[in-house]
Amino acid sequence: MNLCHQEDIQKLTTQELFQQHNYICYLRGDGWQKEQHYVFDYPYLYLYAFHMHVIKEIEQRGYSVDPLWKDSCFRGIHRGYEISMLTYDDLDIPIHLYKEN
Protein backbone atom coordinates (compact mmCIF):
# COMPACT_ATOMS: atom_id res chain seq x y z
CA MET A 1 0.00 0.00 0.00
CA ASN A 2 1.12 3.57 -0.60
CA LEU A 3 0.19 6.83 1.01
CA CYS A 4 -2.37 8.83 -0.91
CA HIS A 5 -1.60 12.26 -2.24
CA GLN A 6 -1.86 14.77 0.56
CA GLU A 7 -4.42 16.87 -1.31
CA ASP A 8 -6.59 13.77 -1.88
CA ILE A 9 -7.09 12.88 1.78
CA GLN A 10 -10.50 14.57 1.86
CA LYS A 11 -11.60 12.65 -1.25
CA LEU A 12 -11.01 9.20 0.25
CA THR A 13 -13.90 6.99 1.23
CA THR A 14 -14.14 6.26 4.94
CA GLN A 15 -12.76 2.77 4.37
CA GLU A 16 -9.81 4.12 2.38
CA LEU A 17 -9.19 6.77 5.04
CA PHE A 18 -8.98 4.14 7.78
CA GLN A 19 -6.72 2.02 5.57
CA GLN A 20 -4.38 5.00 5.31
CA HIS A 21 -4.50 5.44 9.09
CA ASN A 22 -3.73 1.76 9.69
CA TYR A 23 -0.87 1.80 7.19
CA ILE A 24 0.66 4.91 8.75
CA CYS A 25 0.36 3.30 12.20
CA TYR A 26 2.29 0.34 10.81
CA LEU A 27 4.96 2.60 9.31
CA ARG A 28 5.29 4.56 12.55
CA GLY A 29 5.51 1.39 14.61
CA ASP A 30 6.80 -2.06 13.73
CA GLY A 31 7.20 -1.21 10.05
CA TRP A 32 9.66 1.61 10.63
CA GLN A 33 12.67 1.06 8.34
CA LYS A 34 11.68 -2.55 7.57
CA GLU A 35 10.79 -2.08 3.94
CA GLN A 36 11.89 0.15 1.12
CA HIS A 37 9.46 3.03 1.30
CA TYR A 38 10.09 6.62 0.32
CA VAL A 39 8.90 7.93 3.70
CA PHE A 40 12.10 6.57 5.24
CA ASP A 41 14.10 9.06 3.15
CA TYR A 42 12.53 11.88 5.18
CA PRO A 43 12.52 12.81 8.87
CA TYR A 44 10.13 10.81 11.05
CA LEU A 45 8.17 13.96 11.89
CA TYR A 46 7.08 14.26 8.24
CA LEU A 47 5.23 10.95 8.62
CA TYR A 48 3.78 12.16 11.91
CA ALA A 49 2.58 15.41 10.27
CA PHE A 50 1.00 13.44 7.40
CA HIS A 51 -0.69 11.19 9.96
CA MET A 52 -2.13 14.26 11.68
CA HIS A 53 -3.74 15.30 8.36
CA VAL A 54 -5.37 11.85 8.14
CA ILE A 55 -6.48 11.91 11.79
CA LYS A 56 -7.96 15.39 11.35
CA GLU A 57 -10.05 14.15 8.42
CA ILE A 58 -11.17 11.08 10.40
CA GLU A 59 -12.31 13.28 13.26
CA GLN A 60 -14.05 15.73 10.93
CA ARG A 61 -16.14 12.79 9.74
CA GLY A 62 -17.26 12.08 13.29
CA TYR A 63 -14.96 9.15 14.08
CA SER A 64 -12.30 8.98 16.76
CA VAL A 65 -8.73 7.74 16.87
CA ASP A 66 -6.78 6.55 19.87
CA PRO A 67 -5.33 9.77 21.31
CA LEU A 68 -1.94 8.07 21.75
CA TRP A 69 -1.37 8.44 17.99
CA LYS A 70 -1.48 12.22 18.38
CA ASP A 71 1.74 12.06 20.38
CA SER A 72 4.71 12.26 18.03
CA CYS A 73 6.75 10.00 20.34
CA PHE A 74 4.21 7.15 20.32
CA ARG A 75 5.35 4.33 18.04
CA GLY A 76 2.58 1.78 18.60
CA ILE A 77 1.65 -0.75 21.24
CA HIS A 78 4.66 -2.98 20.60
CA ARG A 79 7.27 -0.21 20.43
CA GLY A 80 5.83 2.20 22.98
CA TYR A 81 7.38 5.63 23.15
CA GLU A 82 10.53 6.82 21.50
CA ILE A 83 11.88 10.00 22.96
CA SER A 84 13.69 11.99 20.32
CA MET A 85 15.71 15.14 20.69
CA LEU A 86 14.17 16.32 17.42
CA THR A 87 11.12 18.56 17.70
CA TYR A 88 8.99 20.58 15.33
CA ASP A 89 11.12 23.59 16.23
CA ASP A 90 14.17 21.78 14.83
CA LEU A 91 12.57 21.05 11.46
CA ASP A 92 11.21 23.21 8.73
CA ILE A 93 8.27 21.01 7.74
CA PRO A 94 6.97 21.94 4.28
CA ILE A 95 3.26 22.26 3.52
CA HIS A 96 3.46 19.46 0.92
CA LEU A 97 5.37 16.76 2.79
CA TYR A 98 6.33 14.14 0.21
CA LYS A 99 7.33 14.92 -3.36
CA GLU A 100 6.51 11.32 -4.32
CA ASN A 101 2.80 11.76 -3.72
C-alpha atoms as a PDB file:
ATOM      1  CA  MET A   1       0.000   0.000   0.000  1.00  0.00           C
ATOM      2  CA  ASN A   2       1.118   3.569  -0.602  1.00  0.00           C
ATOM      3  CA  LEU A   3       0.189   6.830   1.006  1.00  0.00           C
ATOM      4  CA  CYS A   4      -2.374   8.828  -0.906  1.00  0.00           C
ATOM      5  CA  HIS A   5      -1.596  12.264  -2.239  1.00  0.00           C
ATOM      6  CA  GLN A   6      -1.859  14.775   0.558  1.00  0.00           C
ATOM      7  CA  GLU A   7      -4.424  16.872  -1.309  1.00  0.00           C
ATOM      8  CA  ASP A   8      -6.594  13.769  -1.884  1.00  0.00           C
ATOM      9  CA  ILE A   9      -7.092  12.878   1.783  1.00  0.00           C
ATOM     10  CA  GLN A  10     -10.499  14.573   1.862  1.00  0.00           C
ATOM     11  CA  LYS A  11     -11.601  12.647  -1.254  1.00  0.00           C
ATOM     12  CA  LEU A  12     -11.006   9.199   0.250  1.00  0.00           C
ATOM     13  CA  THR A  13     -13.905   6.988   1.230  1.00  0.00           C
ATOM     14  CA  THR A  14     -14.143   6.264   4.942  1.00  0.00           C
ATOM     15  CA  GLN A  15     -12.763   2.768   4.375  1.00  0.00           C
ATOM     16  CA  GLU A  16      -9.810   4.123   2.385  1.00  0.00           C
ATOM     17  CA  LEU A  17      -9.195   6.768   5.035  1.00  0.00           C
ATOM     18  CA  PHE A  18      -8.984   4.143   7.782  1.00  0.00           C
ATOM     19  CA  GLN A  19      -6.725   2.016   5.566  1.00  0.00           C
ATOM     20  CA  GLN A  20      -4.384   5.003   5.306  1.00  0.00           C
ATOM     21  CA  HIS A  21      -4.501   5.443   9.087  1.00  0.00           C
ATOM     22  CA  ASN A  22      -3.726   1.764   9.692  1.00  0.00           C
ATOM     23  CA  TYR A  23      -0.866   1.795   7.191  1.00  0.00           C
ATOM     24  CA  ILE A  24       0.656   4.909   8.751  1.00  0.00           C
ATOM     25  CA  CYS A  25       0.356   3.300  12.202  1.00  0.00           C
ATOM     26  CA  TYR A  26       2.292   0.336  10.808  1.00  0.00           C
ATOM     27  CA  LEU A  27       4.956   2.601   9.311  1.00  0.00           C
ATOM     28  CA  ARG A  28       5.294   4.563  12.555  1.00  0.00           C
ATOM     29  CA  GLY A  29       5.514   1.386  14.614  1.00  0.00           C
ATOM     30  CA  ASP A  30       6.803  -2.057  13.730  1.00  0.00           C
ATOM     31  CA  GLY A  31       7.204  -1.214  10.051  1.00  0.00           C
ATOM     32  CA  TRP A  32       9.656   1.614  10.628  1.00  0.00           C
ATOM     33  CA  GLN A  33      12.667   1.064   8.340  1.00  0.00           C
ATOM     34  CA  LYS A  34      11.681  -2.550   7.575  1.00  0.00           C
ATOM     35  CA  GLU A  35      10.786  -2.079   3.943  1.00  0.00           C
ATOM     36  CA  GLN A  36      11.892   0.145   1.122  1.00  0.00           C
ATOM     37  CA  HIS A  37       9.465   3.025   1.297  1.00  0.00           C
ATOM     38  CA  TYR A  38      10.089   6.619   0.319  1.00  0.00           C
ATOM     39  CA  VAL A  39       8.901   7.935   3.703  1.00  0.00           C
ATOM     40  CA  PHE A  40      12.103   6.568   5.239  1.00  0.00           C
ATOM     41  CA  ASP A  41      14.102   9.060   3.149  1.00  0.00           C
ATOM     42  CA  TYR A  42      12.525  11.877   5.180  1.00  0.00           C
ATOM     43  CA  PRO A  43      12.522  12.807   8.872  1.00  0.00           C
ATOM     44  CA  TYR A  44      10.131  10.810  11.045  1.00  0.00           C
ATOM     45  CA  LEU A  45       8.168  13.963  11.893  1.00  0.00           C
ATOM     46  CA  TYR A  46       7.077  14.258   8.241  1.00  0.00           C
ATOM     47  CA  LEU A  47       5.229  10.952   8.624  1.00  0.00           C
ATOM     48  CA  TYR A  48       3.778  12.161  11.908  1.00  0.00           C
ATOM     49  CA  ALA A  49       2.584  15.407  10.266  1.00  0.00           C
ATOM     50  CA  PHE A  50       0.998  13.443   7.398  1.00  0.00           C
ATOM     51  CA  HIS A  51      -0.691  11.195   9.962  1.00  0.00           C
ATOM     52  CA  MET A  52      -2.135  14.264  11.684  1.00  0.00           C
ATOM     53  CA  HIS A  53      -3.741  15.297   8.357  1.00  0.00           C
ATOM     54  CA  VAL A  54      -5.368  11.850   8.136  1.00  0.00           C
ATOM     55  CA  ILE A  55      -6.476  11.911  11.785  1.00  0.00           C
ATOM     56  CA  LYS A  56      -7.957  15.387  11.354  1.00  0.00           C
ATOM     57  CA  GLU A  57     -10.055  14.152   8.423  1.00  0.00           C
ATOM     58  CA  ILE A  58     -11.166  11.081  10.397  1.00  0.00           C
ATOM     59  CA  GLU A  59     -12.310  13.283  13.262  1.00  0.00           C
ATOM     60  CA  GLN A  60     -14.053  15.730  10.929  1.00  0.00           C
ATOM     61  CA  ARG A  61     -16.144  12.786   9.737  1.00  0.00           C
ATOM     62  CA  GLY A  62     -17.260  12.078  13.290  1.00  0.00           C
ATOM     63  CA  TYR A  63     -14.960   9.148  14.082  1.00  0.00           C
ATOM     64  CA  SER A  64     -12.303   8.976  16.762  1.00  0.00           C
ATOM     65  CA  VAL A  65      -8.735   7.740  16.869  1.00  0.00           C
ATOM     66  CA  ASP A  66      -6.776   6.548  19.873  1.00  0.00           C
ATOM     67  CA  PRO A  67      -5.325   9.770  21.311  1.00  0.00           C
ATOM     68  CA  LEU A  68      -1.943   8.069  21.753  1.00  0.00           C
ATOM     69  CA  TRP A  69      -1.369   8.440  17.990  1.00  0.00           C
ATOM     70  CA  LYS A  70      -1.485  12.221  18.378  1.00  0.00           C
ATOM     71  CA  ASP A  71       1.741  12.058  20.376  1.00  0.00           C
ATOM     72  CA  SER A  72       4.713  12.256  18.028  1.00  0.00           C
ATOM     73  CA  CYS A  73       6.750  10.000  20.338  1.00  0.00           C
ATOM     74  CA  PHE A  74       4.206   7.147  20.318  1.00  0.00           C
ATOM     75  CA  ARG A  75       5.349   4.329  18.041  1.00  0.00           C
ATOM     76  CA  GLY A  76       2.584   1.781  18.599  1.00  0.00           C
ATOM     77  CA  ILE A  77       1.646  -0.748  21.241  1.00  0.00           C
ATOM     78  CA  HIS A  78       4.663  -2.984  20.604  1.00  0.00           C
ATOM     79  CA  ARG A  79       7.266  -0.208  20.430  1.00  0.00           C
ATOM     80  CA  GLY A  80       5.826   2.195  22.985  1.00  0.00           C
ATOM     81  CA  TYR A  81       7.375   5.632  23.146  1.00  0.00           C
ATOM     82  CA  GLU A  82      10.531   6.821  21.505  1.00  0.00           C
ATOM     83  CA  ILE A  83      11.882  10.001  22.959  1.00  0.00           C
ATOM     84  CA  SER A  84      13.688  11.989  20.325  1.00  0.00           C
ATOM     85  CA  MET A  85      15.708  15.137  20.689  1.00  0.00           C
ATOM     86  CA  LEU A  86      14.174  16.318  17.422  1.00  0.00           C
ATOM     87  CA  THR A  87      11.119  18.556  17.702  1.00  0.00           C
ATOM     88  CA  TYR A  88       8.990  20.581  15.335  1.00  0.00           C
ATOM     89  CA  ASP A  89      11.122  23.590  16.225  1.00  0.00           C
ATOM     90  CA  ASP A  90      14.167  21.783  14.835  1.00  0.00           C
ATOM     91  CA  LEU A  91      12.574  21.051  11.462  1.00  0.00           C
ATOM     92  CA  ASP A  92      11.208  23.210   8.728  1.00  0.00           C
ATOM     93  CA  ILE A  93       8.266  21.009   7.743  1.00  0.00           C
ATOM     94  CA  PRO A  94       6.970  21.941   4.284  1.00  0.00           C
ATOM     95  CA  ILE A  95       3.265  22.255   3.518  1.00  0.00           C
ATOM     96  CA  HIS A  96       3.459  19.460   0.918  1.00  0.00           C
ATOM     97  CA  LEU A  97       5.365  16.761   2.794  1.00  0.00           C
ATOM     98  CA  TYR A  98       6.334  14.140   0.212  1.00  0.00           C
ATOM     99  CA  LYS A  99       7.334  14.923  -3.357  1.00  0.00           C
ATOM    100  CA  GLU A 100       6.512  11.322  -4.324  1.00  0.00           C
ATOM    101  CA  ASN A 101       2.804  11.757  -3.718  1.00  0.00           C
END
